[in-house]
């Protein structure tokens, strides 16, 4: 019975992954967003690393006592990724961009 639950969970995840719509940044009058996006992305990664340093490693007591240093760094890297993604989104929105489905035609300046 456990195998069927795992199979169902894997199938649901696969279906969900297939249904995601690719997105891109758009701004009226902007033909190429790569410069702004790479600038926001670089700044966001730096800020995420500043806000979430590795520190001295996992605590030797409590919930994380059995974590290795590698596991500890991987967890921080995951948190940095999500923080940098959110910071990039805010930066791009502050520059006037909006996320739109990649299949839609690009907006033109009026």
N, C-alpha and C. Protein backbone atom coordinates (compact mmCIF):
# COMPACT_ATOMS: atom_id res chain seq x y z
N UNK A 1 0.83 -1.19 0.00
CA UNK A 1 0.00 0.00 0.00
C UNK A 1 0.87 1.25 0.00
N UNK A 2 2.01 1.20 0.64
CA UNK A 2 2.91 2.35 0.67
C UNK A 2 3.46 2.65 -0.71
N UNK A 3 3.74 1.63 -1.48
CA UNK A 3 4.28 1.83 -2.82
C UNK A 3 3.26 2.55 -3.69
N UNK A 4 1.99 2.22 -3.58
CA UNK A 4 0.99 2.88 -4.40
C UNK A 4 0.84 4.35 -4.00
N UNK A 5 0.96 4.67 -2.74
CA UNK A 5 0.89 6.07 -2.30
C UNK A 5 2.08 6.85 -2.85
N UNK A 6 3.24 6.24 -2.83
CA UNK A 6 4.43 6.89 -3.37
C UNK A 6 4.27 7.09 -4.87
N UNK A 7 3.75 6.08 -5.56
CA UNK A 7 3.53 6.18 -7.00
C UNK A 7 2.55 7.29 -7.34
N UNK A 8 1.50 7.41 -6.56
CA UNK A 8 0.51 8.46 -6.78
C UNK A 8 1.14 9.84 -6.54
N UNK A 9 1.93 9.95 -5.50
CA UNK A 9 2.58 11.22 -5.20
C UNK A 9 3.54 11.62 -6.31
N UNK A 10 4.31 10.67 -6.82
CA UNK A 10 5.24 10.95 -7.92
C UNK A 10 4.46 11.35 -9.17
N UNK A 11 3.39 10.67 -9.46
CA UNK A 11 2.57 10.98 -10.62
C UNK A 11 1.98 12.39 -10.51
N UNK A 12 1.48 12.75 -9.34
CA UNK A 12 0.93 14.08 -9.15
C UNK A 12 1.99 15.17 -9.31
N UNK A 13 3.18 14.92 -8.80
CA UNK A 13 4.27 15.88 -8.96
C UNK A 13 4.66 16.02 -10.42
N UNK A 14 4.69 14.92 -11.15
CA UNK A 14 5.02 14.97 -12.58
C UNK A 14 3.98 15.76 -13.35
N UNK A 15 2.72 15.56 -13.03
CA UNK A 15 1.64 16.30 -13.71
C UNK A 15 1.74 17.79 -13.39
N UNK A 16 1.99 18.10 -12.14
CA UNK A 16 2.12 19.51 -11.75
C UNK A 16 3.30 20.17 -12.45
N UNK A 17 4.39 19.45 -12.61
CA UNK A 17 5.56 20.01 -13.29
C UNK A 17 5.27 20.27 -14.76
N UNK A 18 4.46 19.45 -15.37
CA UNK A 18 4.12 19.63 -16.80
C UNK A 18 3.18 20.81 -17.02
N UNK A 19 2.42 21.19 -16.03
CA UNK A 19 1.43 22.23 -16.19
C UNK A 19 1.95 23.62 -15.87
N UNK A 20 3.20 23.78 -15.51
CA UNK A 20 3.70 25.11 -15.20
C UNK A 20 3.91 25.90 -16.49
N UNK A 21 3.47 27.12 -16.46
CA UNK A 21 3.59 28.00 -17.62
C UNK A 21 4.91 28.77 -17.52
N UNK A 22 5.74 28.73 -18.55
CA UNK A 22 6.97 29.51 -18.53
C UNK A 22 6.63 31.00 -18.49
N UNK A 23 7.36 31.74 -17.68
CA UNK A 23 7.10 33.16 -17.52
C UNK A 23 8.32 33.96 -17.96
N UNK A 24 8.08 35.22 -18.33
CA UNK A 24 9.17 36.13 -18.66
C UNK A 24 8.81 37.52 -18.16
N UNK A 25 9.84 38.34 -18.02
CA UNK A 25 9.63 39.72 -17.57
C UNK A 25 9.33 40.59 -18.77
N UNK A 26 8.31 41.45 -18.63
CA UNK A 26 7.95 42.38 -19.69
C UNK A 26 7.76 43.77 -19.12
N UNK A 27 8.12 44.76 -19.94
CA UNK A 27 7.88 46.15 -19.58
C UNK A 27 7.59 46.89 -20.88
N UNK A 28 6.63 47.75 -20.85
CA UNK A 28 6.29 48.52 -22.04
C UNK A 28 7.50 49.33 -22.49
N UNK A 29 7.85 49.17 -23.75
CA UNK A 29 8.98 49.91 -24.31
C UNK A 29 10.33 49.26 -24.12
N UNK A 30 10.41 48.16 -23.42
CA UNK A 30 11.69 47.48 -23.19
C UNK A 30 11.80 46.30 -24.14
N UNK A 31 12.76 46.36 -25.04
CA UNK A 31 12.95 45.26 -25.99
C UNK A 31 13.75 44.12 -25.38
N UNK A 32 14.76 44.46 -24.57
CA UNK A 32 15.64 43.45 -23.99
C UNK A 32 15.67 43.62 -22.48
N UNK A 33 15.23 42.59 -21.75
CA UNK A 33 15.18 42.66 -20.29
C UNK A 33 16.39 42.03 -19.63
N UNK A 34 17.27 41.41 -20.42
CA UNK A 34 18.35 40.61 -19.84
C UNK A 34 19.30 41.44 -18.97
N UNK A 35 19.57 42.69 -19.34
CA UNK A 35 20.47 43.51 -18.54
C UNK A 35 19.89 43.83 -17.17
N UNK A 36 18.62 44.25 -17.14
CA UNK A 36 17.97 44.54 -15.87
C UNK A 36 17.81 43.28 -15.03
N UNK A 37 17.46 42.19 -15.68
CA UNK A 37 17.25 40.95 -14.94
C UNK A 37 18.56 40.43 -14.34
N UNK A 38 19.65 40.49 -15.10
CA UNK A 38 20.93 40.02 -14.56
C UNK A 38 21.42 40.94 -13.46
N UNK A 39 21.18 42.23 -13.57
CA UNK A 39 21.56 43.17 -12.51
C UNK A 39 20.78 42.88 -11.23
N UNK A 40 19.46 42.72 -11.35
CA UNK A 40 18.63 42.41 -10.18
C UNK A 40 19.02 41.07 -9.57
N UNK A 41 19.30 40.09 -10.43
CA UNK A 41 19.66 38.76 -9.95
C UNK A 41 20.97 38.79 -9.18
N UNK A 42 21.97 39.48 -9.70
CA UNK A 42 23.27 39.55 -9.03
C UNK A 42 23.15 40.26 -7.68
N UNK A 43 22.45 41.37 -7.67
CA UNK A 43 22.26 42.11 -6.40
C UNK A 43 21.49 41.26 -5.38
N UNK A 44 20.50 40.53 -5.86
CA UNK A 44 19.69 39.70 -4.97
C UNK A 44 20.49 38.55 -4.38
N UNK A 45 21.34 37.92 -5.19
CA UNK A 45 22.19 36.84 -4.66
C UNK A 45 23.15 37.38 -3.60
N UNK A 46 23.74 38.55 -3.85
CA UNK A 46 24.65 39.15 -2.86
C UNK A 46 23.91 39.46 -1.56
N UNK A 47 22.70 40.02 -1.69
CA UNK A 47 21.92 40.36 -0.49
C UNK A 47 21.50 39.11 0.27
N UNK A 48 21.12 38.07 -0.45
CA UNK A 48 20.73 36.82 0.21
C UNK A 48 21.91 36.21 0.97
N UNK A 49 23.09 36.26 0.38
CA UNK A 49 24.29 35.74 1.06
C UNK A 49 24.62 36.58 2.29
N UNK A 50 24.39 37.89 2.21
CA UNK A 50 24.65 38.77 3.36
C UNK A 50 23.65 38.49 4.48
N UNK A 51 22.38 38.29 4.12
CA UNK A 51 21.35 38.06 5.13
C UNK A 51 21.39 36.66 5.73
N UNK A 52 21.89 35.70 4.96
CA UNK A 52 21.90 34.30 5.42
C UNK A 52 23.32 33.73 5.36
N UNK A 53 24.19 34.16 6.25
CA UNK A 53 25.56 33.63 6.25
C UNK A 53 25.57 32.19 6.76
N UNK A 54 26.65 31.48 6.45
CA UNK A 54 26.77 30.10 6.94
C UNK A 54 26.97 30.05 8.44
N UNK A 55 27.63 31.04 8.99
CA UNK A 55 27.87 31.04 10.42
C UNK A 55 28.87 29.97 10.82
N UNK A 56 28.73 29.47 12.02
CA UNK A 56 29.67 28.49 12.57
C UNK A 56 29.19 27.05 12.41
N UNK A 57 28.12 26.85 11.68
CA UNK A 57 27.62 25.49 11.50
C UNK A 57 26.41 25.22 12.35
N UNK A 58 25.92 23.99 12.26
CA UNK A 58 24.70 23.64 12.99
C UNK A 58 24.94 23.62 14.49
N UNK A 59 23.88 23.93 15.25
CA UNK A 59 24.02 23.84 16.71
C UNK A 59 24.28 22.39 17.13
N UNK A 60 24.94 22.23 18.24
CA UNK A 60 25.27 20.88 18.71
C UNK A 60 24.22 20.33 19.66
N UNK A 61 23.10 21.02 19.75
CA UNK A 61 22.03 20.60 20.63
C UNK A 61 20.69 20.78 19.92
N UNK A 62 19.66 20.16 20.44
CA UNK A 62 18.32 20.38 19.94
C UNK A 62 18.01 19.67 18.65
N UNK A 63 17.15 20.27 17.87
CA UNK A 63 16.60 19.67 16.66
C UNK A 63 17.66 19.33 15.62
N UNK A 64 18.70 20.14 15.48
CA UNK A 64 19.68 19.97 14.41
C UNK A 64 20.94 19.24 14.84
N UNK A 65 20.94 18.59 15.96
CA UNK A 65 22.16 18.00 16.49
C UNK A 65 22.75 16.91 15.61
N UNK A 66 21.95 16.27 14.77
CA UNK A 66 22.49 15.20 13.93
C UNK A 66 22.81 15.67 12.51
N UNK A 67 22.76 16.95 12.26
CA UNK A 67 23.07 17.48 10.94
C UNK A 67 24.57 17.60 10.74
N UNK A 68 25.03 17.27 9.57
CA UNK A 68 26.43 17.48 9.24
C UNK A 68 26.60 18.91 8.74
N UNK A 69 27.84 19.35 8.61
CA UNK A 69 28.10 20.69 8.09
C UNK A 69 27.59 20.81 6.65
N UNK A 70 27.71 19.75 5.86
CA UNK A 70 27.23 19.77 4.49
C UNK A 70 25.71 19.97 4.45
N UNK A 71 24.99 19.23 5.27
CA UNK A 71 23.54 19.36 5.33
C UNK A 71 23.16 20.77 5.76
N UNK A 72 23.87 21.31 6.71
CA UNK A 72 23.62 22.67 7.21
C UNK A 72 23.81 23.68 6.08
N UNK A 73 24.89 23.56 5.32
CA UNK A 73 25.14 24.50 4.22
C UNK A 73 24.10 24.34 3.11
N UNK A 74 23.69 23.12 2.84
CA UNK A 74 22.67 22.91 1.81
C UNK A 74 21.35 23.56 2.21
N UNK A 75 21.01 23.47 3.46
CA UNK A 75 19.77 24.10 3.95
C UNK A 75 19.86 25.62 3.80
N UNK A 76 20.99 26.20 4.14
CA UNK A 76 21.16 27.64 3.99
C UNK A 76 21.14 28.03 2.51
N UNK A 77 21.78 27.23 1.67
CA UNK A 77 21.75 27.50 0.23
C UNK A 77 20.32 27.49 -0.32
N UNK A 78 19.50 26.56 0.16
CA UNK A 78 18.10 26.52 -0.26
C UNK A 78 17.38 27.80 0.15
N UNK A 79 17.58 28.22 1.39
CA UNK A 79 16.94 29.44 1.87
C UNK A 79 17.44 30.65 1.09
N UNK A 80 18.73 30.68 0.77
CA UNK A 80 19.29 31.79 -0.02
C UNK A 80 18.64 31.84 -1.40
N UNK A 81 18.45 30.67 -2.02
CA UNK A 81 17.84 30.62 -3.34
C UNK A 81 16.45 31.26 -3.33
N UNK A 82 15.62 30.87 -2.36
CA UNK A 82 14.26 31.41 -2.31
C UNK A 82 14.26 32.90 -1.98
N UNK A 83 15.14 33.33 -1.09
CA UNK A 83 15.23 34.74 -0.77
C UNK A 83 15.70 35.53 -1.99
N UNK A 84 16.72 35.06 -2.69
CA UNK A 84 17.21 35.75 -3.88
C UNK A 84 16.14 35.81 -4.96
N UNK A 85 15.38 34.75 -5.12
CA UNK A 85 14.29 34.75 -6.10
C UNK A 85 13.26 35.82 -5.77
N UNK A 86 12.89 35.91 -4.50
CA UNK A 86 11.91 36.91 -4.08
C UNK A 86 12.46 38.33 -4.22
N UNK A 87 13.72 38.52 -3.87
CA UNK A 87 14.34 39.84 -4.01
C UNK A 87 14.46 40.24 -5.48
N UNK A 88 14.76 39.30 -6.35
CA UNK A 88 14.83 39.58 -7.78
C UNK A 88 13.46 40.01 -8.29
N UNK A 89 12.43 39.33 -7.85
CA UNK A 89 11.07 39.67 -8.26
C UNK A 89 10.72 41.10 -7.84
N UNK A 90 11.05 41.46 -6.62
CA UNK A 90 10.76 42.81 -6.13
C UNK A 90 11.56 43.85 -6.91
N UNK A 91 12.84 43.57 -7.16
CA UNK A 91 13.69 44.48 -7.92
C UNK A 91 13.13 44.72 -9.31
N UNK A 92 12.75 43.66 -9.99
CA UNK A 92 12.22 43.80 -11.35
C UNK A 92 10.89 44.56 -11.35
N UNK A 93 10.05 44.31 -10.36
CA UNK A 93 8.79 45.04 -10.27
C UNK A 93 9.04 46.53 -9.99
N UNK A 94 10.06 46.82 -9.19
CA UNK A 94 10.41 48.22 -8.92
C UNK A 94 10.92 48.93 -10.17
N UNK A 95 11.45 48.17 -11.11
CA UNK A 95 11.92 48.75 -12.38
C UNK A 95 10.81 48.83 -13.42
N UNK A 96 9.61 48.43 -13.05
CA UNK A 96 8.46 48.55 -13.94
C UNK A 96 8.12 47.31 -14.74
N UNK A 97 8.75 46.19 -14.43
CA UNK A 97 8.49 44.95 -15.16
C UNK A 97 7.35 44.17 -14.50
N UNK A 98 6.70 43.34 -15.33
CA UNK A 98 5.68 42.42 -14.84
C UNK A 98 5.97 41.05 -15.41
N UNK A 99 5.66 40.02 -14.64
CA UNK A 99 5.79 38.66 -15.15
C UNK A 99 4.59 38.36 -16.04
N UNK A 100 4.86 37.79 -17.20
CA UNK A 100 3.81 37.42 -18.14
C UNK A 100 4.15 36.06 -18.74
N UNK A 101 3.15 35.32 -19.16
CA UNK A 101 3.43 34.04 -19.80
C UNK A 101 4.34 34.23 -21.01
N UNK A 102 5.30 33.36 -21.16
CA UNK A 102 6.28 33.48 -22.24
C UNK A 102 5.64 33.33 -23.61
N UNK A 103 4.50 32.71 -23.69
CA UNK A 103 3.85 32.51 -24.98
C UNK A 103 3.11 33.75 -25.46
N UNK A 104 2.89 34.73 -24.58
CA UNK A 104 2.17 35.94 -25.00
C UNK A 104 3.09 36.84 -25.80
N UNK A 105 2.55 37.61 -26.73
CA UNK A 105 3.41 38.52 -27.50
C UNK A 105 3.93 39.64 -26.62
N UNK A 106 5.13 40.10 -26.93
CA UNK A 106 5.74 41.17 -26.15
C UNK A 106 4.99 42.47 -26.37
N UNK A 107 4.90 43.30 -25.34
CA UNK A 107 4.25 44.59 -25.45
C UNK A 107 5.12 45.54 -26.21
N UNK A 108 4.50 46.40 -26.96
CA UNK A 108 5.26 47.39 -27.72
C UNK A 108 5.00 48.77 -27.15
N UNK A 109 5.97 49.65 -27.32
CA UNK A 109 5.84 51.02 -26.82
C UNK A 109 4.83 51.78 -27.67
N UNK A 110 4.05 52.63 -27.04
CA UNK A 110 3.07 53.43 -27.76
C UNK A 110 3.52 54.86 -27.83
